[in-house]
Protein backbone atom coordinates (compact mmCIF):
# COMPACT_ATOMS: atom_id res chain seq x y z
CA MET A 1 19.91 -13.46 5.64
CA SER A 2 17.61 -15.38 7.96
CA ARG A 3 14.85 -14.18 10.22
CA THR A 4 17.23 -14.11 13.21
CA HIS A 5 17.93 -10.47 12.55
CA LEU A 6 15.69 -7.50 11.66
CA HIS A 7 17.24 -6.03 8.54
CA GLY A 8 14.63 -3.79 6.98
CA VAL A 9 11.17 -2.23 6.98
CA LEU A 10 8.89 -2.44 3.95
CA TRP A 11 6.29 0.31 3.92
CA ASP A 12 2.92 0.32 2.19
CA MET A 13 1.97 3.77 0.84
CA ASP A 14 -1.74 4.53 0.41
CA GLY A 15 -3.48 4.64 3.77
CA THR A 16 -0.29 3.76 5.67
CA LEU A 17 2.11 6.65 5.03
CA LEU A 18 -0.15 8.93 3.02
CA ASP A 19 -3.82 9.66 3.60
CA SER A 20 -4.34 9.09 -0.09
CA GLU A 21 -7.16 6.59 0.05
CA LYS A 22 -9.51 9.62 0.35
CA ILE A 23 -8.08 10.88 -2.93
CA TRP A 24 -8.77 7.51 -4.55
CA ASP A 25 -12.31 7.70 -3.06
CA VAL A 26 -12.93 10.84 -5.08
CA ALA A 27 -11.47 9.50 -8.33
CA ILE A 28 -13.07 6.06 -8.20
CA GLY A 29 -16.41 7.61 -7.23
CA GLU A 30 -16.26 9.93 -10.25
CA TYR A 31 -15.24 7.07 -12.51
CA SER A 32 -18.17 4.97 -11.37
CA ARG A 33 -20.57 7.86 -11.99
CA ASN A 34 -19.11 8.22 -15.46
CA LEU A 35 -20.17 4.59 -15.96
CA GLY A 36 -23.68 5.49 -14.85
CA THR A 37 -23.62 4.01 -11.36
CA GLU A 38 -23.12 5.47 -7.89
CA LEU A 39 -20.35 3.47 -6.22
CA SER A 40 -21.57 1.66 -3.13
CA ALA A 41 -19.61 1.82 0.12
CA GLU A 42 -19.28 -1.95 0.06
CA VAL A 43 -17.68 -2.07 -3.36
CA ARG A 44 -15.34 0.82 -2.57
CA GLU A 45 -14.28 -0.96 0.64
CA SER A 46 -13.62 -4.13 -1.33
CA THR A 47 -11.18 -2.25 -3.60
CA LEU A 48 -8.99 -0.93 -0.74
CA GLY A 49 -5.41 -2.04 -1.18
CA ASN A 50 -6.18 -3.65 -4.53
CA SER A 51 -4.15 -3.42 -7.70
CA MET A 52 -5.43 -1.04 -10.34
CA TRP A 53 -6.73 -3.96 -12.41
CA ASP A 54 -8.52 -5.67 -9.52
CA ALA A 55 -10.17 -2.43 -8.46
CA LEU A 56 -11.28 -1.69 -11.99
CA ARG A 57 -12.76 -5.17 -12.42
CA LYS A 58 -14.91 -4.65 -9.33
CA VAL A 59 -16.08 -1.18 -10.31
CA LEU A 60 -16.92 -2.25 -13.89
CA ALA A 61 -18.82 -5.30 -12.66
CA HIS A 62 -20.73 -3.11 -10.14
CA ALA A 63 -21.75 -0.82 -13.03
CA SER A 64 -22.77 -3.85 -15.12
CA VAL A 65 -20.14 -2.94 -17.72
CA GLU A 66 -18.42 -5.82 -19.46
CA VAL A 67 -14.92 -6.41 -18.11
CA THR A 68 -12.87 -6.27 -21.29
CA ASP A 69 -9.26 -5.31 -21.95
CA GLU A 70 -10.54 -2.19 -23.72
CA HIS A 71 -12.63 -1.10 -20.77
CA LEU A 72 -9.83 -1.90 -18.30
CA ASN A 73 -7.30 0.12 -20.25
CA GLU A 74 -9.67 3.04 -20.66
CA GLY A 75 -10.39 2.98 -16.91
CA ARG A 76 -6.71 2.80 -16.04
CA GLU A 77 -5.91 5.79 -18.22
CA TRP A 78 -8.79 7.81 -16.77
CA LEU A 79 -7.99 6.97 -13.13
CA THR A 80 -4.28 7.50 -13.53
CA ALA A 81 -4.85 10.97 -14.99
CA ARG A 82 -7.47 11.96 -12.40
CA VAL A 83 -5.52 10.71 -9.39
CA GLY A 84 -2.41 12.38 -10.80
CA ASP A 85 -4.21 15.70 -10.94
CA LEU A 86 -5.48 15.24 -7.37
CA PHE A 87 -1.99 14.23 -6.13
CA ALA A 88 -0.63 17.43 -7.65
CA GLU A 89 -2.92 19.41 -5.36
CA GLY A 90 -1.18 17.90 -2.35
CA ILE A 91 -1.24 14.56 -0.53
CA PRO A 92 -1.75 14.61 3.23
CA TRP A 93 0.34 12.44 5.55
CA ARG A 94 -1.11 9.83 7.84
CA PRO A 95 -0.62 10.94 11.47
CA GLY A 96 2.86 10.02 12.75
CA ALA A 97 4.03 8.62 9.40
CA LYS A 98 6.81 11.11 8.69
CA ASP A 99 8.26 10.63 12.16
CA ALA A 100 8.02 6.87 11.78
CA LEU A 101 10.02 6.99 8.53
CA ALA A 102 12.69 9.06 10.25
CA LEU A 103 12.75 6.67 13.23
CA VAL A 104 13.43 3.63 11.07
CA ARG A 105 16.24 5.45 9.29
CA GLU A 106 17.74 6.39 12.67
CA MET A 107 17.60 2.67 13.62
CA GLY A 108 19.92 1.97 10.72
CA LEU A 109 17.48 -0.31 8.96
CA SER A 110 17.11 -0.77 5.21
CA THR A 111 13.81 0.50 3.87
CA GLY A 112 11.54 -0.03 0.91
CA LEU A 113 8.24 1.22 -0.41
CA VAL A 114 5.92 -1.60 -1.56
CA THR A 115 2.70 -0.46 -3.10
CA ASN A 116 0.02 -1.54 -5.57
CA THR A 117 -0.03 1.97 -7.00
CA GLU A 118 1.67 2.24 -10.37
CA ARG A 119 5.05 3.88 -11.02
CA GLY A 120 3.83 7.12 -12.55
CA LEU A 121 1.71 8.03 -9.53
CA VAL A 122 4.30 6.73 -7.08
CA GLU A 123 6.87 9.15 -8.53
CA ARG A 124 4.46 12.02 -7.75
CA ALA A 125 3.85 10.69 -4.24
CA LEU A 126 7.61 10.44 -3.61
CA ASP A 127 7.79 14.20 -3.96
CA THR A 128 5.76 14.33 -0.74
CA LEU A 129 7.26 11.29 0.98
CA GLY A 130 10.94 12.01 0.25
CA ARG A 131 13.00 9.64 -1.81
CA GLU A 132 15.74 9.69 0.78
CA TYR A 133 13.62 7.52 3.05
CA PHE A 134 13.65 4.52 0.74
CA ASP A 135 16.45 2.29 -0.54
CA ILE A 136 14.16 0.58 -3.02
CA THR A 137 10.59 0.97 -4.37
CA VAL A 138 8.22 -1.64 -5.77
CA THR A 139 5.11 -0.55 -7.66
CA GLY A 140 2.04 -2.36 -8.85
CA ASP A 141 3.06 -2.34 -12.51
CA GLU A 142 6.47 -3.86 -11.74
CA VAL A 143 5.24 -7.24 -10.53
CA GLU A 144 3.27 -9.89 -12.38
CA VAL A 145 0.61 -10.04 -9.62
CA GLY A 146 -0.20 -7.36 -7.10
CA LYS A 147 -1.31 -7.55 -3.49
CA PRO A 148 -2.81 -9.68 -1.94
CA HIS A 149 -0.40 -11.98 -3.79
CA PRO A 150 2.98 -12.08 -2.00
CA ALA A 151 4.94 -11.05 -5.14
CA PRO A 152 5.32 -7.37 -4.24
CA TYR A 153 6.84 -8.12 -0.82
CA LEU A 154 9.01 -10.91 -2.15
CA ARG A 155 10.40 -8.49 -4.75
CA GLY A 156 10.93 -5.81 -2.09
CA ALA A 157 12.91 -8.15 0.12
CA ALA A 158 14.90 -9.51 -2.83
CA LEU A 159 15.85 -5.95 -3.87
CA LEU A 160 17.12 -5.34 -0.36
CA GLY A 161 19.08 -8.62 -0.61
CA VAL A 162 17.40 -10.39 2.31
CA ASP A 163 14.72 -12.93 3.06
CA ALA A 164 11.20 -11.52 3.54
CA GLY A 165 11.31 -12.83 7.11
CA ALA A 166 14.14 -10.36 7.92
CA CYS A 167 11.78 -7.48 7.10
CA LEU A 168 8.90 -5.93 9.01
CA ALA A 169 6.03 -4.87 6.76
CA VAL A 170 3.84 -1.88 7.70
CA GLU A 171 0.32 -2.05 6.27
CA ASP A 172 -3.16 -0.60 6.74
CA SER A 173 -5.46 -2.95 4.76
CA PRO A 174 -6.49 -6.60 4.89
CA THR A 175 -5.27 -6.98 1.27
CA GLY A 176 -1.80 -5.59 1.90
CA SER A 177 -1.42 -7.35 5.23
CA LEU A 178 -2.19 -10.69 3.63
CA SER A 179 0.34 -10.00 0.88
CA ALA A 180 3.12 -9.26 3.39
CA HIS A 181 2.20 -12.19 5.67
CA THR A 182 2.06 -14.69 2.82
CA ALA A 183 5.50 -13.47 1.69
CA GLY A 184 6.86 -14.28 5.14
CA CYS A 185 7.04 -10.79 6.69
CA PRO A 186 5.80 -10.08 10.22
CA VAL A 187 3.29 -7.27 9.83
CA LEU A 188 2.72 -4.09 11.81
CA VAL A 189 -0.90 -3.22 10.99
CA VAL A 190 -2.14 0.37 11.32
CA PRO A 191 -5.73 0.29 9.97
CA SER A 192 -6.93 3.44 8.20
CA GLU A 193 -10.21 3.03 6.36
CA ILE A 194 -11.33 -0.44 7.48
CA ALA A 195 -10.50 -2.83 10.31
CA VAL A 196 -8.00 -5.60 9.78
CA PRO A 197 -8.92 -8.84 11.60
CA PRO A 198 -6.23 -10.14 14.00
CA ALA A 199 -4.06 -12.97 12.67
CA PRO A 200 -0.85 -14.76 13.65
CA GLY A 201 2.11 -12.61 12.71
CA TYR A 202 0.10 -9.37 12.88
CA THR A 203 0.71 -6.62 15.44
CA ILE A 204 -2.16 -4.21 15.34
CA ARG A 205 -1.94 -0.70 16.73
CA ASP A 206 -4.11 2.39 16.33
CA GLY A 207 -1.61 4.27 14.21
CA LEU A 208 2.02 5.42 13.80
CA VAL A 209 1.89 8.29 16.29
CA GLY A 210 4.40 7.65 19.05
CA LEU A 211 5.97 4.63 17.35
CA THR A 212 9.28 3.69 19.06
CA ALA A 213 12.28 1.56 18.10
CA ASP A 214 11.13 -1.03 20.69
CA ASP A 215 7.67 -1.09 19.06
CA VAL A 216 9.30 -1.84 15.70
CA ARG A 217 11.47 -4.64 17.12
CA ARG A 218 8.59 -6.20 19.06
CA ALA A 219 6.35 -6.20 15.98
CA TRP A 220 9.02 -7.96 14.02
CA ALA A 221 9.74 -10.49 16.76
CA ALA A 222 6.03 -11.32 17.03
């Protein structure tokens, strides 16, 4: 299917649909303190939207800990367990996100969840999001390279059976927006924690509250 028809919407998760970046703030901050270093705001900001491995590399380097496979695997296990515990306490929605999911379904569009978060945590998050809102899901451990590489969005579109250009991506971070854009998706950007610089193919709005079908179509057409 070509880009002459809007076929689907590919949703990011953390910071876009769920206000879960604040949960990651807690876990990554604790992990950095375990390494003996208080995490700076600049390093935390640089990890937003990253894959687990990319985020860990930055935190380890900030703590002057050698970036080895052993340290990466230990960090992954610790963060996965800690975030899982925090997710179990409840994950808040981003404002307007639940209504936006329902709107896209009412439009008759195919939908997918495309996230750098790994499958185990995504399954927990889907208990909040609702599996019925997604035809497919792509997680960070199911692609060879995570965002900002285009692989996650290319996989999402392929699973829907369409070209990436036939899908609108909805993202909140510079990392995720670049991933979607490079894959060929027009991007509706709803920044959460940090600003996303304007770029061709991006439609930037304050959030998902009040999103309409016309807004979705215009963002794709842009």
